[in-house]
Amino acid sequence: MHHIGIGVEHARTQVLKLVDDLHVRVIDAATGELLRELTIDPTRNYQPLGRPPGPQPGKHRRPDPSSGSDLSGIS
C-alpha cells in the first residue's frame, strides 16, 4: 500500500482514486476537481507532494483581533 499526499488543504475531503497501474489521479468526489495526478514510485511508501513542507507563502491565516478570540483569559 502507498500513501499519497494531497495537502492539508484537502483534509477530510472525500476523494475518488482512478488507478491505472502506477498512474494515479485523485479527484474531489463532490466537485470532480483534479486534486493530484502522479506516477507512483514503487520504491517509496509515501508519495510526497513535491513542494516544501509547511504552509505556502501567503496561505496561513492570522487571528483576527476583531473576532473576539482573545486568549488572555487562558491560564
PDB file of N, CA and C in Angstrom:
ATOM      1  N   MET A   1       0.840  -1.170   0.000  1.00  0.00           N
ATOM      2  CA  MET A   1       0.000   0.000   0.000  1.00  0.00           C
ATOM      3  C   MET A   1       0.890   1.239   0.000  1.00  0.00           C
ATOM      4  N   HIS A   2       0.489   2.248  -0.778  1.00  0.00           N
ATOM      5  CA  HIS A   2       1.219   3.515  -0.845  1.00  0.00           C
ATOM      6  C   HIS A   2       0.340   4.618  -0.279  1.00  0.00           C
ATOM      7  N   HIS A   3       0.978   5.596   0.352  1.00  0.00           N
ATOM      8  CA  HIS A   3       0.285   6.759   0.892  1.00  0.00           C
ATOM      9  C   HIS A   3       0.540   7.926  -0.052  1.00  0.00           C
ATOM     10  N   ILE A   4      -0.523   8.600  -0.450  1.00  0.00           N
ATOM     11  CA  ILE A   4      -0.418   9.696  -1.416  1.00  0.00           C
ATOM     12  C   ILE A   4      -0.793  10.998  -0.734  1.00  0.00           C
ATOM     13  N   GLY A   5       0.158  11.920  -0.646  1.00  0.00           N
ATOM     14  CA  GLY A   5      -0.110  13.233  -0.068  1.00  0.00           C
ATOM     15  C   GLY A   5      -0.901  14.102  -1.028  1.00  0.00           C
ATOM     16  N   ILE A   6      -1.937  14.763  -0.503  1.00  0.00           N
ATOM     17  CA  ILE A   6      -2.679  15.733  -1.329  1.00  0.00           C
ATOM     18  C   ILE A   6      -2.736  17.097  -0.664  1.00  0.00           C
ATOM     19  N   GLY A   7      -2.146  17.217   0.525  1.00  0.00           N
ATOM     20  CA  GLY A   7      -2.068  18.516   1.184  1.00  0.00           C
ATOM     21  C   GLY A   7      -3.117  18.701   2.253  1.00  0.00           C
ATOM     22  N   VAL A   8      -2.733  19.449   3.272  1.00  0.00           N
ATOM     23  CA  VAL A   8      -3.615  19.688   4.417  1.00  0.00           C
ATOM     24  C   VAL A   8      -4.873  20.450   4.009  1.00  0.00           C
ATOM     25  N   GLU A   9      -4.808  21.212   2.937  1.00  0.00           N
ATOM     26  CA  GLU A   9      -5.980  21.970   2.499  1.00  0.00           C
ATOM     27  C   GLU A   9      -7.117  21.047   2.040  1.00  0.00           C
ATOM     28  N   HIS A  10      -6.812  19.773   1.826  1.00  0.00           N
ATOM     29  CA  HIS A  10      -7.844  18.822   1.408  1.00  0.00           C
ATOM     30  C   HIS A  10      -8.162  17.801   2.504  1.00  0.00           C
ATOM     31  N   ALA A  11      -7.783  18.094   3.742  1.00  0.00           N
ATOM     32  CA  ALA A  11      -8.078  17.197   4.854  1.00  0.00           C
ATOM     33  C   ALA A  11      -9.587  16.973   4.948  1.00  0.00           C
ATOM     34  N   ARG A  12      -9.979  15.743   5.187  1.00  0.00           N
ATOM     35  CA  ARG A  12     -11.379  15.324   5.348  1.00  0.00           C
ATOM     36  C   ARG A  12     -12.201  15.447   4.063  1.00  0.00           C
ATOM     37  N   THR A  13     -11.544  15.652   2.926  1.00  0.00           N
ATOM     38  CA  THR A  13     -12.240  15.706   1.641  1.00  0.00           C
ATOM     39  C   THR A  13     -12.446  14.288   1.138  1.00  0.00           C
ATOM     40  N   GLN A  14     -13.653  13.963   0.751  1.00  0.00           N
ATOM     41  CA  GLN A  14     -13.885  12.658   0.155  1.00  0.00           C
ATOM     42  C   GLN A  14     -13.372  12.681  -1.273  1.00  0.00           C
ATOM     43  N   VAL A  15     -12.610  11.649  -1.631  1.00  0.00           N
ATOM     44  CA  VAL A  15     -11.964  11.625  -2.939  1.00  0.00           C
ATOM     45  C   VAL A  15     -12.268  10.319  -3.666  1.00  0.00           C
ATOM     46  N   LEU A  16     -12.070  10.373  -4.961  1.00  0.00           N
ATOM     47  CA  LEU A  16     -12.074   9.192  -5.819  1.00  0.00           C
ATOM     48  C   LEU A  16     -10.651   9.018  -6.325  1.00  0.00           C
ATOM     49  N   LYS A  17     -10.218   7.771  -6.398  1.00  0.00           N
ATOM     50  CA  LYS A  17      -8.887   7.484  -6.945  1.00  0.00           C
ATOM     51  C   LYS A  17      -9.075   6.696  -8.233  1.00  0.00           C
ATOM     52  N   LEU A  18      -8.493   7.199  -9.290  1.00  0.00           N
ATOM     53  CA  LEU A  18      -8.506   6.498 -10.566  1.00  0.00           C
ATOM     54  C   LEU A  18      -7.097   5.944 -10.762  1.00  0.00           C
ATOM     55  N   VAL A  19      -6.995   4.618 -10.817  1.00  0.00           N
ATOM     56  CA  VAL A  19      -5.683   3.972 -10.838  1.00  0.00           C
ATOM     57  C   VAL A  19      -5.546   3.134 -12.099  1.00  0.00           C
ATOM     58  N   ASP A  20      -4.461   3.345 -12.817  1.00  0.00           N
ATOM     59  CA  ASP A  20      -4.106   2.550 -13.984  1.00  0.00           C
ATOM     60  C   ASP A  20      -2.644   2.167 -13.836  1.00  0.00           C
ATOM     61  N   ASP A  21      -2.395   0.993 -13.259  1.00  0.00           N
ATOM     62  CA  ASP A  21      -1.063   0.514 -12.952  1.00  0.00           C
ATOM     63  C   ASP A  21      -0.392   1.494 -11.987  1.00  0.00           C
ATOM     64  N   LEU A  22       0.643   2.207 -12.393  1.00  0.00           N
ATOM     65  CA  LEU A  22       1.321   3.149 -11.494  1.00  0.00           C
ATOM     66  C   LEU A  22       0.836   4.584 -11.667  1.00  0.00           C
ATOM     67  N   HIS A  23      -0.045   4.806 -12.617  1.00  0.00           N
ATOM     68  CA  HIS A  23      -0.567   6.152 -12.868  1.00  0.00           C
ATOM     69  C   HIS A  23      -1.831   6.352 -12.035  1.00  0.00           C
ATOM     70  N   VAL A  24      -1.859   7.425 -11.209  1.00  0.00           N
ATOM     71  CA  VAL A  24      -2.968   7.666 -10.285  1.00  0.00           C
ATOM     72  C   VAL A  24      -3.468   9.097 -10.438  1.00  0.00           C
ATOM     73  N   ARG A  25      -4.782   9.236 -10.413  1.00  0.00           N
ATOM     74  CA  ARG A  25      -5.418  10.552 -10.338  1.00  0.00           C
ATOM     75  C   ARG A  25      -6.289  10.560  -9.101  1.00  0.00           C
ATOM     76  N   VAL A  26      -6.216  11.640  -8.318  1.00  0.00           N
ATOM     77  CA  VAL A  26      -7.044  11.802  -7.121  1.00  0.00           C
ATOM     78  C   VAL A  26      -7.994  12.959  -7.398  1.00  0.00           C
ATOM     79  N   ILE A  27      -9.292  12.679  -7.260  1.00  0.00           N
ATOM     80  CA  ILE A  27     -10.331  13.632  -7.646  1.00  0.00           C
ATOM     81  C   ILE A  27     -11.249  13.900  -6.465  1.00  0.00           C
ATOM     82  N   ASP A  28     -11.620  15.171  -6.264  1.00  0.00           N
ATOM     83  CA  ASP A  28     -12.605  15.540  -5.242  1.00  0.00           C
ATOM     84  C   ASP A  28     -13.941  14.904  -5.632  1.00  0.00           C
ATOM     85  N   ALA A  29     -14.488  14.067  -4.751  1.00  0.00           N
ATOM     86  CA  ALA A  29     -15.712  13.331  -5.063  1.00  0.00           C
ATOM     87  C   ALA A  29     -16.917  14.252  -5.245  1.00  0.00           C
ATOM     88  N   ALA A  30     -16.945  15.388  -4.573  1.00  0.00           N
ATOM     89  CA  ALA A  30     -18.096  16.294  -4.650  1.00  0.00           C
ATOM     90  C   ALA A  30     -18.064  17.187  -5.884  1.00  0.00           C
ATOM     91  N   THR A  31     -16.864  17.657  -6.261  1.00  0.00           N
ATOM     92  CA  THR A  31     -16.784  18.648  -7.332  1.00  0.00           C
ATOM     93  C   THR A  31     -16.197  18.107  -8.635  1.00  0.00           C
ATOM     94  N   GLY A  32     -15.480  16.994  -8.553  1.00  0.00           N
ATOM     95  CA  GLY A  32     -14.818  16.468  -9.743  1.00  0.00           C
ATOM     96  C   GLY A  32     -13.479  17.127 -10.017  1.00  0.00           C
ATOM     97  N   GLU A  33     -13.055  18.035  -9.141  1.00  0.00           N
ATOM     98  CA  GLU A  33     -11.778  18.739  -9.323  1.00  0.00           C
ATOM     99  C   GLU A  33     -10.618  17.758  -9.188  1.00  0.00           C
ATOM    100  N   LEU A  34      -9.682  17.823 -10.111  1.00  0.00           N
ATOM    101  CA  LEU A  34      -8.476  17.010 -10.038  1.00  0.00           C
ATOM    102  C   LEU A  34      -7.570  17.587  -8.960  1.00  0.00           C
ATOM    103  N   LEU A  35      -7.327  16.807  -7.905  1.00  0.00           N
ATOM    104  CA  LEU A  35      -6.504  17.273  -6.794  1.00  0.00           C
ATOM    105  C   LEU A  35      -5.039  16.907  -6.980  1.00  0.00           C
ATOM    106  N   ARG A  36      -4.803  15.777  -7.613  1.00  0.00           N
ATOM    107  CA  ARG A  36      -3.426  15.313  -7.753  1.00  0.00           C
ATOM    108  C   ARG A  36      -3.363  14.297  -8.863  1.00  0.00           C
ATOM    109  N   GLU A  37      -2.307  14.354  -9.634  1.00  0.00           N
ATOM    110  CA  GLU A  37      -2.022  13.357 -10.666  1.00  0.00           C
ATOM    111  C   GLU A  37      -0.562  12.992 -10.520  1.00  0.00           C
ATOM    112  N   LEU A  38      -0.270  11.702 -10.474  1.00  0.00           N
ATOM    113  CA  LEU A  38       1.109  11.287 -10.269  1.00  0.00           C
ATOM    114  C   LEU A  38       1.332   9.888 -10.794  1.00  0.00           C
ATOM    115  N   THR A  39       2.606   9.556 -10.915  1.00  0.00           N
ATOM    116  CA  THR A  39       3.030   8.192 -11.195  1.00  0.00           C
ATOM    117  C   THR A  39       3.686   7.682  -9.932  1.00  0.00           C
ATOM    118  N   ILE A  40       3.162   6.577  -9.406  1.00  0.00           N
ATOM    119  CA  ILE A  40       3.669   6.004  -8.162  1.00  0.00           C
ATOM    120  C   ILE A  40       5.120   5.592  -8.323  1.00  0.00           C
ATOM    121  N   ASP A  41       5.942   5.966  -7.348  1.00  0.00           N
ATOM    122  CA  ASP A  41       7.319   5.493  -7.259  1.00  0.00           C
ATOM    123  C   ASP A  41       7.285   4.249  -6.373  1.00  0.00           C
ATOM    124  N   PRO A  42       7.428   3.057  -6.939  1.00  0.00           N
ATOM    125  CA  PRO A  42       7.280   1.840  -6.150  1.00  0.00           C
ATOM    126  C   PRO A  42       8.357   1.659  -5.082  1.00  0.00           C
ATOM    127  N   THR A  43       9.421   2.457  -5.121  1.00  0.00           N
ATOM    128  CA  THR A  43      10.472   2.351  -4.103  1.00  0.00           C
ATOM    129  C   THR A  43      10.140   3.169  -2.860  1.00  0.00           C
ATOM    130  N   ARG A  44       9.057   3.945  -2.910  1.00  0.00           N
ATOM    131  CA  ARG A  44       8.673   4.792  -1.773  1.00  0.00           C
ATOM    132  C   ARG A  44       7.293   4.408  -1.267  1.00  0.00           C
ATOM    133  N   ASN A  45       7.132   4.381   0.057  1.00  0.00           N
ATOM    134  CA  ASN A  45       5.831   4.109   0.659  1.00  0.00           C
ATOM    135  C   ASN A  45       4.957   5.357   0.589  1.00  0.00           C
ATOM    136  N   TYR A  46       5.527   6.525   0.924  1.00  0.00           N
ATOM    137  CA  TYR A  46       4.790   7.790   0.911  1.00  0.00           C
ATOM    138  C   TYR A  46       5.141   8.547  -0.363  1.00  0.00           C
ATOM    139  N   GLN A  47       4.133   8.992  -1.070  1.00  0.00           N
ATOM    140  CA  GLN A  47       4.327   9.737  -2.312  1.00  0.00           C
ATOM    141  C   GLN A  47       4.170  11.226  -2.000  1.00  0.00           C
ATOM    142  N   PRO A  48       5.282  11.959  -1.810  1.00  0.00           N
ATOM    143  CA  PRO A  48       5.191  13.363  -1.392  1.00  0.00           C
ATOM    144  C   PRO A  48       4.615  14.261  -2.479  1.00  0.00           C
ATOM    145  N   LEU A  49       4.247  15.463  -2.047  1.00  0.00           N
ATOM    146  CA  LEU A  49       3.656  16.440  -2.954  1.00  0.00           C
ATOM    147  C   LEU A  49       4.664  17.047  -3.925  1.00  0.00           C
ATOM    148  N   GLY A  50       5.929  17.033  -3.538  1.00  0.00           N
ATOM    149  CA  GLY A  50       6.926  17.660  -4.385  1.00  0.00           C
ATOM    150  C   GLY A  50       7.068  19.148  -4.125  1.00  0.00           C
ATOM    151  N   ARG A  51       6.524  19.612  -3.016  1.00  0.00           N
ATOM    152  CA  ARG A  51       6.685  21.015  -2.620  1.00  0.00           C
ATOM    153  C   ARG A  51       7.280  21.031  -1.212  1.00  0.00           C
ATOM    154  N   PRO A  52       7.891  22.130  -0.817  1.00  0.00           N
ATOM    155  CA  PRO A  52       8.475  22.199   0.527  1.00  0.00           C
ATOM    156  C   PRO A  52       7.403  22.031   1.604  1.00  0.00           C
ATOM    157  N   PRO A  53       7.752  21.386   2.731  1.00  0.00           N
ATOM    158  CA  PRO A  53       6.780  21.212   3.800  1.00  0.00           C
ATOM    159  C   PRO A  53       6.408  22.541   4.451  1.00  0.00           C
ATOM    160  N   GLY A  54       5.269  22.553   5.116  1.00  0.00           N
ATOM    161  CA  GLY A  54       4.818  23.754   5.812  1.00  0.00           C
ATOM    162  C   GLY A  54       3.827  24.539   4.981  1.00  0.00           C
ATOM    163  N   PRO A  55       3.295  25.619   5.568  1.00  0.00           N
ATOM    164  CA  PRO A  55       2.301  26.417   4.839  1.00  0.00           C
ATOM    165  C   PRO A  55       2.939  27.134   3.660  1.00  0.00           C
ATOM    166  N   GLN A  56       2.167  27.290   2.616  1.00  0.00           N
ATOM    167  CA  GLN A  56       2.653  28.003   1.452  1.00  0.00           C
ATOM    168  C   GLN A  56       2.643  29.494   1.752  1.00  0.00           C
ATOM    169  N   PRO A  57       3.581  30.242   1.184  1.00  0.00           N
ATOM    170  CA  PRO A  57       3.635  31.684   1.452  1.00  0.00           C
ATOM    171  C   PRO A  57       2.305  32.363   1.133  1.00  0.00           C
ATOM    172  N   GLY A  58       1.830  33.157   2.079  1.00  0.00           N
ATOM    173  CA  GLY A  58       0.591  33.899   1.891  1.00  0.00           C
ATOM    174  C   GLY A  58      -0.661  33.088   2.146  1.00  0.00           C
ATOM    175  N   LYS A  59      -0.528  31.817   2.513  1.00  0.00           N
ATOM    176  CA  LYS A  59      -1.685  30.948   2.710  1.00  0.00           C
ATOM    177  C   LYS A  59      -2.078  30.789   4.180  1.00  0.00           C
ATOM    178  N   HIS A  60      -1.172  31.142   5.112  1.00  0.00           N
ATOM    179  CA  HIS A  60      -1.513  30.973   6.523  1.00  0.00           C
ATOM    180  C   HIS A  60      -2.408  32.120   6.982  1.00  0.00           C
ATOM    181  N   ARG A  61      -3.247  31.807   7.961  1.00  0.00           N
ATOM    182  CA  ARG A  61      -4.181  32.823   8.454  1.00  0.00           C
ATOM    183  C   ARG A  61      -3.710  33.333   9.800  1.00  0.00           C
ATOM    184  N   ARG A  62      -3.810  34.612   9.985  1.00  0.00           N
ATOM    185  CA  ARG A  62      -3.503  35.235  11.267  1.00  0.00           C
ATOM    186  C   ARG A  62      -4.817  35.451  12.008  1.00  0.00           C
ATOM    187  N   PRO A  63      -4.791  35.366  13.345  1.00  0.00           N
ATOM    188  CA  PRO A  63      -6.023  35.615  14.104  1.00  0.00           C
ATOM    189  C   PRO A  63      -6.551  37.022  13.847  1.00  0.00           C
ATOM    190  N   ASP A  64      -7.852  37.139  13.730  1.00  0.00           N
ATOM    191  CA  ASP A  64      -8.499  38.425  13.526  1.00  0.00           C
ATOM    192  C   ASP A  64      -8.773  39.039  14.898  1.00  0.00           C
ATOM    193  N   PRO A  65      -8.101  40.154  15.243  1.00  0.00           N
ATOM    194  CA  PRO A  65      -8.290  40.741  16.574  1.00  0.00           C
ATOM    195  C   PRO A  65      -9.720  41.201  16.826  1.00  0.00           C
ATOM    196  N   SER A  66     -10.482  41.464  15.790  1.00  0.00           N
ATOM    197  CA  SER A  66     -11.859  41.924  15.980  1.00  0.00           C
ATOM    198  C   SER A  66     -12.841  40.768  16.150  1.00  0.00           C
ATOM    199  N   SER A  67     -12.363  39.513  16.045  1.00  0.00           N
ATOM    200  CA  SER A  67     -13.277  38.367  16.146  1.00  0.00           C
ATOM    201  C   SER A  67     -13.600  37.975  17.564  1.00  0.00           C
ATOM    202  N   GLY A  68     -12.910  38.581  18.543  1.00  0.00           N
ATOM    203  CA  GLY A  68     -13.199  38.285  19.936  1.00  0.00           C
ATOM    204  C   GLY A  68     -12.536  36.998  20.423  1.00  0.00           C
ATOM    205  N   SER A  69     -11.579  36.487  19.689  1.00  0.00           N
ATOM    206  CA  SER A  69     -10.914  35.250  20.100  1.00  0.00           C
ATOM    207  C   SER A  69      -9.677  35.596  20.927  1.00  0.00           C
ATOM    208  N   ASP A  70      -9.885  36.318  21.994  1.00  0.00           N
ATOM    209  CA  ASP A  70      -8.798  36.732  22.876  1.00  0.00           C
ATOM    210  C   ASP A  70      -8.410  35.562  23.775  1.00  0.00           C
ATOM    211  N   LEU A  71      -7.150  35.216  23.777  1.00  0.00           N
ATOM    212  CA  LEU A  71      -6.680  34.084  24.585  1.00  0.00           C
ATOM    213  C   LEU A  71      -6.072  34.532  25.899  1.00  0.00           C
ATOM    214  N   SER A  72      -6.241  35.796  26.286  1.00  0.00           N
ATOM    215  CA  SER A  72      -5.605  36.309  27.503  1.00  0.00           C
ATOM    216  C   SER A  72      -6.185  35.690  28.773  1.00  0.00           C
ATOM    217  N   GLY A  73      -7.402  35.157  28.706  1.00  0.00           N
ATOM    218  CA  GLY A  73      -8.027  34.573  29.889  1.00  0.00           C
ATOM    219  C   GLY A  73      -7.608  33.129  30.136  1.00  0.00           C
ATOM    220  N   ILE A  74      -6.776  32.575  29.262  1.00  0.00           N
ATOM    221  CA  ILE A  74      -6.335  31.185  29.414  1.00  0.00           C
ATOM    222  C   ILE A  74      -5.112  31.151  30.330  1.00  0.00           C
ATOM    223  N   SER A  75      -5.151  30.273  31.321  1.00  0.00           N
ATOM    224  CA  SER A  75      -4.018  30.175  32.226  1.00  0.00           C
ATOM    225  C   SER A  75      -3.262  28.886  32.006  1.00  0.00           C
TER     226      SER A  75
END
